Amino acid sequence: MESAGKQARICLGVITGPAGVRGEMRFHSYSDAPGDMRRYRALETGEGRKIAVERISVKAGRVRLAVSGVTHRAQAAAFKGTKLYVPRAVLPETGSDEFYHADLVGLKARDTGGRLLGHIAAVQNFGAGDLLEVRVVSETGKNADFFVPFTQAAVPEIDLEGGCLTLDPPPGLIDAPGEKAPA
């Protein structure tokens, strides 16, 4: 997991396999605007290896990459499953109500009364909108995760500088200490 903040790397997506016989690669972008990748010619693999992107084409939501030094299908196939990253610092600043997922992961999660609930382990989207995955470590050391909709109502305050956010989850989503959820 990358650390939150300006030093983090942001995963732009993953290479899914070769595209054609001249070394181009299919790329699954995690961005809503995959064409914006054109401004980031130097990317990194998860291991930190630099990748120089020569060409990016986006047609009907499908992304193809041409990488320097990769000239045939077998070379491109070797990249299958490789995630590509860019330093967080080179990305554009977000609006007042916009956040990069990497900026949220790792934040402490508190309820509206200030009680520590856990920390944000991930931001997930299973098709119906973003969910914050909150990881709670119990006294026994076992992890217990729960999901909170990433909406203004359920997450009324986000303090990136302070490293925490406030949750006001829907009733019954989480239990108060010593209580069990109704059956």
C-alpha atoms as a PDB file:
ATOM      1  CA  MET A   1       0.000   0.000   0.000  1.00  0.00           C
ATOM      2  CA  GLU A   2       1.312   3.426  -0.894  1.00  0.00           C
ATOM      3  CA  SER A   3       1.395   6.004   1.863  1.00  0.00           C
ATOM      4  CA  ALA A   4      -1.088   8.854   1.769  1.00  0.00           C
ATOM      5  CA  GLY A   5      -0.077  12.382   0.944  1.00  0.00           C
ATOM      6  CA  LYS A   6       2.014  14.160  -1.663  1.00  0.00           C
ATOM      7  CA  GLN A   7       4.810  11.536  -1.595  1.00  0.00           C
ATOM      8  CA  ALA A   8       2.489   8.697  -2.660  1.00  0.00           C
ATOM      9  CA  ARG A   9       2.375   7.160  -6.071  1.00  0.00           C
ATOM     10  CA  ILE A  10      -0.965   6.852  -7.793  1.00  0.00           C
ATOM     11  CA  CYS A  11      -1.771   3.689  -9.727  1.00  0.00           C
ATOM     12  CA  LEU A  12      -3.151   4.739 -13.110  1.00  0.00           C
ATOM     13  CA  GLY A  13      -4.119   1.225 -14.165  1.00  0.00           C
ATOM     14  CA  VAL A  14      -2.835  -2.161 -15.269  1.00  0.00           C
ATOM     15  CA  ILE A  15      -1.529  -3.609 -18.527  1.00  0.00           C
ATOM     16  CA  THR A  16      -3.896  -6.400 -19.529  1.00  0.00           C
ATOM     17  CA  GLY A  17      -1.946  -7.893 -22.420  1.00  0.00           C
ATOM     18  CA  PRO A  18      -0.558  -7.339 -25.889  1.00  0.00           C
ATOM     19  CA  ALA A  19      -2.512  -5.515 -28.593  1.00  0.00           C
ATOM     20  CA  GLY A  20      -1.459  -6.534 -32.066  1.00  0.00           C
ATOM     21  CA  VAL A  21       1.945  -7.745 -33.201  1.00  0.00           C
ATOM     22  CA  ARG A  22       4.044  -4.561 -32.983  1.00  0.00           C
ATOM     23  CA  GLY A  23       4.436  -4.394 -29.221  1.00  0.00           C
ATOM     24  CA  GLU A  24       1.452  -2.255 -28.263  1.00  0.00           C
ATOM     25  CA  MET A  25      -0.330  -3.132 -25.049  1.00  0.00           C
ATOM     26  CA  ARG A  26      -3.923  -3.052 -23.836  1.00  0.00           C
ATOM     27  CA  PHE A  27      -4.274  -0.981 -20.688  1.00  0.00           C
ATOM     28  CA  HIS A  28      -7.114  -0.949 -18.157  1.00  0.00           C
ATOM     29  CA  SER A  29      -7.221   2.613 -16.836  1.00  0.00           C
ATOM     30  CA  TYR A  30      -8.491   3.363 -13.328  1.00  0.00           C
ATOM     31  CA  SER A  31      -9.196   6.943 -14.402  1.00  0.00           C
ATOM     32  CA  ASP A  32     -12.474   8.415 -15.588  1.00  0.00           C
ATOM     33  CA  ALA A  33     -10.437  10.220 -18.251  1.00  0.00           C
ATOM     34  CA  PRO A  34      -7.788   7.780 -19.527  1.00  0.00           C
ATOM     35  CA  GLY A  35      -6.732  10.199 -22.258  1.00  0.00           C
ATOM     36  CA  ASP A  36      -5.288  12.451 -19.566  1.00  0.00           C
ATOM     37  CA  MET A  37      -2.465   9.906 -19.249  1.00  0.00           C
ATOM     38  CA  ARG A  38      -0.894  11.487 -22.314  1.00  0.00           C
ATOM     39  CA  ARG A  39       0.704  14.140 -20.113  1.00  0.00           C
ATOM     40  CA  TYR A  40       2.569  11.506 -18.038  1.00  0.00           C
ATOM     41  CA  ARG A  41       5.117  10.058 -20.428  1.00  0.00           C
ATOM     42  CA  ALA A  42       7.348   8.599 -17.697  1.00  0.00           C
ATOM     43  CA  LEU A  43       5.546   6.040 -15.582  1.00  0.00           C
ATOM     44  CA  GLU A  44       6.799   3.483 -13.062  1.00  0.00           C
ATOM     45  CA  THR A  45       6.041  -0.156 -12.418  1.00  0.00           C
ATOM     46  CA  GLY A  46       5.219  -1.347  -8.902  1.00  0.00           C
ATOM     47  CA  GLU A  47       8.911  -2.192  -8.462  1.00  0.00           C
ATOM     48  CA  GLY A  48       9.943   1.341  -9.442  1.00  0.00           C
ATOM     49  CA  ARG A  49      11.206   0.543 -12.945  1.00  0.00           C
ATOM     50  CA  LYS A  50      10.776   3.527 -15.298  1.00  0.00           C
ATOM     51  CA  ILE A  51       8.569   3.032 -18.343  1.00  0.00           C
ATOM     52  CA  ALA A  52       8.685   5.566 -21.191  1.00  0.00           C
ATOM     53  CA  VAL A  53       5.331   5.750 -22.957  1.00  0.00           C
ATOM     54  CA  GLU A  54       5.686   6.740 -26.607  1.00  0.00           C
ATOM     55  CA  ARG A  55       2.026   6.657 -27.650  1.00  0.00           C
ATOM     56  CA  ILE A  56      -1.353   6.393 -25.993  1.00  0.00           C
ATOM     57  CA  SER A  57      -4.553   5.913 -27.937  1.00  0.00           C
ATOM     58  CA  VAL A  58      -8.060   5.867 -26.535  1.00  0.00           C
ATOM     59  CA  LYS A  59     -10.942   4.643 -28.681  1.00  0.00           C
ATOM     60  CA  ALA A  60     -14.375   3.764 -27.316  1.00  0.00           C
ATOM     61  CA  GLY A  61     -12.969   3.596 -23.795  1.00  0.00           C
ATOM     62  CA  ARG A  62     -10.220   1.151 -24.784  1.00  0.00           C
ATOM     63  CA  VAL A  63      -6.655   2.250 -24.102  1.00  0.00           C
ATOM     64  CA  ARG A  64      -3.547   1.128 -25.997  1.00  0.00           C
ATOM     65  CA  LEU A  65       0.023   1.983 -25.057  1.00  0.00           C
ATOM     66  CA  ALA A  66       3.244   1.914 -27.033  1.00  0.00           C
ATOM     67  CA  VAL A  67       6.255   1.683 -24.712  1.00  0.00           C
ATOM     68  CA  SER A  68       9.835   2.558 -25.641  1.00  0.00           C
ATOM     69  CA  GLY A  69      11.887  -0.546 -26.472  1.00  0.00           C
ATOM     70  CA  VAL A  70       8.883  -2.864 -26.858  1.00  0.00           C
ATOM     71  CA  THR A  71       8.564  -3.734 -30.537  1.00  0.00           C
ATOM     72  CA  HIS A  72       6.840  -7.102 -30.748  1.00  0.00           C
ATOM     73  CA  ARG A  73       4.011  -9.079 -29.214  1.00  0.00           C
ATOM     74  CA  ALA A  74       6.122 -11.370 -27.012  1.00  0.00           C
ATOM     75  CA  GLN A  75       7.761  -8.386 -25.313  1.00  0.00           C
ATOM     76  CA  ALA A  76       4.354  -6.779 -24.720  1.00  0.00           C
ATOM     77  CA  ALA A  77       2.961 -10.029 -23.316  1.00  0.00           C
ATOM     78  CA  ALA A  78       5.657  -9.983 -20.615  1.00  0.00           C
ATOM     79  CA  PHE A  79       4.067  -6.791 -19.216  1.00  0.00           C
ATOM     80  CA  LYS A  80       0.661  -8.415 -18.628  1.00  0.00           C
ATOM     81  CA  GLY A  81      -0.490  -7.658 -15.070  1.00  0.00           C
ATOM     82  CA  THR A  82       1.973  -4.791 -14.603  1.00  0.00           C
ATOM     83  CA  LYS A  83       0.490  -1.824 -12.755  1.00  0.00           C
ATOM     84  CA  LEU A  84       1.686   1.618 -13.821  1.00  0.00           C
ATOM     85  CA  TYR A  85       2.142   4.471 -11.366  1.00  0.00           C
ATOM     86  CA  VAL A  86       2.807   8.192 -11.417  1.00  0.00           C
ATOM     87  CA  PRO A  87       4.013  10.311  -8.472  1.00  0.00           C
ATOM     88  CA  ARG A  88       1.077  11.973  -6.664  1.00  0.00           C
ATOM     89  CA  ALA A  89       2.873  15.326  -6.780  1.00  0.00           C
ATOM     90  CA  VAL A  90       2.608  15.574 -10.593  1.00  0.00           C
ATOM     91  CA  LEU A  91      -1.163  15.159 -10.659  1.00  0.00           C
ATOM     92  CA  PRO A  92      -3.394  18.232 -10.835  1.00  0.00           C
ATOM     93  CA  GLU A  93      -4.749  19.646  -7.604  1.00  0.00           C
ATOM     94  CA  THR A  94      -8.230  18.494  -6.699  1.00  0.00           C
ATOM     95  CA  GLY A  95     -11.272  20.669  -6.169  1.00  0.00           C
ATOM     96  CA  SER A  96     -12.630  21.345  -2.680  1.00  0.00           C
ATOM     97  CA  ASP A  97     -14.877  18.263  -2.740  1.00  0.00           C
ATOM     98  CA  GLU A  98     -12.590  16.019  -4.803  1.00  0.00           C
ATOM     99  CA  PHE A  99     -10.049  13.532  -3.493  1.00  0.00           C
ATOM    100  CA  TYR A 100      -7.567  11.067  -4.885  1.00  0.00           C
ATOM    101  CA  HIS A 101      -8.147   7.645  -3.361  1.00  0.00           C
ATOM    102  CA  ALA A 102      -4.497   7.532  -2.276  1.00  0.00           C
ATOM    103  CA  ASP A 103      -5.072  10.669  -0.185  1.00  0.00           C
ATOM    104  CA  LEU A 104      -7.873   8.915   1.746  1.00  0.00           C
ATOM    105  CA  VAL A 105      -6.207   5.549   2.358  1.00  0.00           C
ATOM    106  CA  GLY A 106      -4.566   5.512   5.769  1.00  0.00           C
ATOM    107  CA  LEU A 107      -6.664   8.285   7.300  1.00  0.00           C
ATOM    108  CA  LYS A 108      -8.052   7.665  10.788  1.00  0.00           C
ATOM    109  CA  ALA A 109     -11.819   7.224  10.856  1.00  0.00           C
ATOM    110  CA  ARG A 110     -13.700   8.765  13.790  1.00  0.00           C
ATOM    111  CA  ASP A 111     -17.411   8.899  14.544  1.00  0.00           C
ATOM    112  CA  THR A 112     -19.217  12.225  15.051  1.00  0.00           C
ATOM    113  CA  GLY A 113     -18.457  12.007  18.792  1.00  0.00           C
ATOM    114  CA  GLY A 114     -14.714  11.746  18.137  1.00  0.00           C
ATOM    115  CA  ARG A 115     -14.397   8.012  18.944  1.00  0.00           C
ATOM    116  CA  LEU A 116     -11.726   6.275  16.856  1.00  0.00           C
ATOM    117  CA  LEU A 117     -13.364   3.608  14.680  1.00  0.00           C
ATOM    118  CA  GLY A 118     -10.331   2.490  12.664  1.00  0.00           C
ATOM    119  CA  HIS A 119      -8.581   3.658   9.515  1.00  0.00           C
ATOM    120  CA  ILE A 120      -9.396   3.763   5.811  1.00  0.00           C
ATOM    121  CA  ALA A 121      -7.958   0.607   4.262  1.00  0.00           C
ATOM    122  CA  ALA A 122      -9.200   1.181   0.715  1.00  0.00           C
ATOM    123  CA  VAL A 123     -11.706   2.933  -1.488  1.00  0.00           C
ATOM    124  CA  GLN A 124     -13.839   0.407  -3.345  1.00  0.00           C
ATOM    125  CA  ASN A 125     -16.469   0.660  -6.042  1.00  0.00           C
ATOM    126  CA  PHE A 126     -18.562  -2.394  -6.786  1.00  0.00           C
ATOM    127  CA  GLY A 127     -20.748  -0.557  -9.292  1.00  0.00           C
ATOM    128  CA  ALA A 128     -23.048   1.580  -7.143  1.00  0.00           C
ATOM    129  CA  GLY A 129     -20.635   4.327  -6.082  1.00  0.00           C
ATOM    130  CA  ASP A 130     -17.521   4.684  -3.972  1.00  0.00           C
ATOM    131  CA  LEU A 131     -17.336   3.003  -0.576  1.00  0.00           C
ATOM    132  CA  LEU A 132     -14.747   3.608   2.120  1.00  0.00           C
ATOM    133  CA  GLU A 133     -13.418   0.351   3.547  1.00  0.00           C
ATOM    134  CA  VAL A 134     -12.837   0.985   7.246  1.00  0.00           C
ATOM    135  CA  ARG A 135     -10.503  -1.431   9.018  1.00  0.00           C
ATOM    136  CA  VAL A 136     -11.054  -1.887  12.732  1.00  0.00           C
ATOM    137  CA  VAL A 137      -8.456  -3.798  14.724  1.00  0.00           C
ATOM    138  CA  SER A 138     -10.126  -5.396  17.735  1.00  0.00           C
ATOM    139  CA  GLU A 139      -8.561  -6.026  21.122  1.00  0.00           C
ATOM    140  CA  THR A 140      -7.867  -9.594  19.974  1.00  0.00           C
ATOM    141  CA  GLY A 141      -5.852  -8.256  17.047  1.00  0.00           C
ATOM    142  CA  LYS A 142      -8.281  -9.502  14.421  1.00  0.00           C
ATOM    143  CA  ASN A 143      -9.272  -7.166  11.631  1.00  0.00           C
ATOM    144  CA  ALA A 144     -12.927  -6.375  11.092  1.00  0.00           C
ATOM    145  CA  ASP A 145     -13.777  -4.310   8.038  1.00  0.00           C
ATOM    146  CA  PHE A 146     -16.957  -2.453   7.238  1.00  0.00           C
ATOM    147  CA  PHE A 147     -17.959  -0.230   4.354  1.00  0.00           C
ATOM    148  CA  VAL A 148     -19.383   3.272   4.485  1.00  0.00           C
ATOM    149  CA  PRO A 149     -20.835   5.036   1.435  1.00  0.00           C
ATOM    150  CA  PHE A 150     -18.533   7.849   0.367  1.00  0.00           C
ATOM    151  CA  THR A 151     -21.215  10.526   0.459  1.00  0.00           C
ATOM    152  CA  GLN A 152     -21.421  13.927   2.141  1.00  0.00           C
ATOM    153  CA  ALA A 153     -24.035  12.551   4.573  1.00  0.00           C
ATOM    154  CA  ALA A 154     -21.966   9.525   5.663  1.00  0.00           C
ATOM    155  CA  VAL A 155     -18.591  11.341   5.581  1.00  0.00           C
ATOM    156  CA  PRO A 156     -19.359  14.917   6.644  1.00  0.00           C
ATOM    157  CA  GLU A 157     -15.761  15.999   7.300  1.00  0.00           C
ATOM    158  CA  ILE A 158     -12.397  15.158   5.763  1.00  0.00           C
ATOM    159  CA  ASP A 159      -9.230  16.643   7.261  1.00  0.00           C
ATOM    160  CA  LEU A 160      -6.320  15.577   5.065  1.00  0.00           C
ATOM    161  CA  GLU A 161      -3.859  17.775   6.963  1.00  0.00           C
ATOM    162  CA  GLY A 162      -4.985  16.299  10.296  1.00  0.00           C
ATOM    163  CA  GLY A 163      -4.965  12.760   8.910  1.00  0.00           C
ATOM    164  CA  CYS A 164      -8.554  11.860   9.784  1.00  0.00           C
ATOM    165  CA  LEU A 165     -12.123  11.939   8.640  1.00  0.00           C
ATOM    166  CA  THR A 166     -15.470  11.906  10.409  1.00  0.00           C
ATOM    167  CA  LEU A 167     -18.044   9.211   9.722  1.00  0.00           C
ATOM    168  CA  ASP A 168     -21.765   9.484  10.319  1.00  0.00           C
ATOM    169  CA  PRO A 169     -22.785   6.068   8.998  1.00  0.00           C
ATOM    170  CA  PRO A 170     -26.399   5.079   8.396  1.00  0.00           C
ATOM    171  CA  PRO A 171     -28.101   3.623  11.513  1.00  0.00           C
ATOM    172  CA  GLY A 172     -27.277  -0.021  12.142  1.00  0.00           C
ATOM    173  CA  LEU A 173     -24.158  -0.065   9.958  1.00  0.00           C
ATOM    174  CA  ILE A 174     -21.776  -0.343  12.903  1.00  0.00           C
ATOM    175  CA  ASP A 175     -22.366  -1.440  16.485  1.00  0.00           C
ATOM    176  CA  ALA A 176     -21.701   0.598  19.580  1.00  0.00           C
ATOM    177  CA  PRO A 177     -19.156  -1.059  21.923  1.00  0.00           C
ATOM    178  CA  GLY A 178     -20.757  -4.026  23.685  1.00  0.00           C
ATOM    179  CA  GLU A 179     -23.858  -4.017  21.473  1.00  0.00           C
ATOM    180  CA  LYS A 180     -24.820  -6.477  18.794  1.00  0.00           C
ATOM    181  CA  ALA A 181     -26.627  -5.583  15.623  1.00  0.00           C
ATOM    182  CA  PRO A 182     -30.366  -6.313  15.682  1.00  0.00           C
ATOM    183  CA  ALA A 183     -31.325  -9.603  14.059  1.00  0.00           C
END
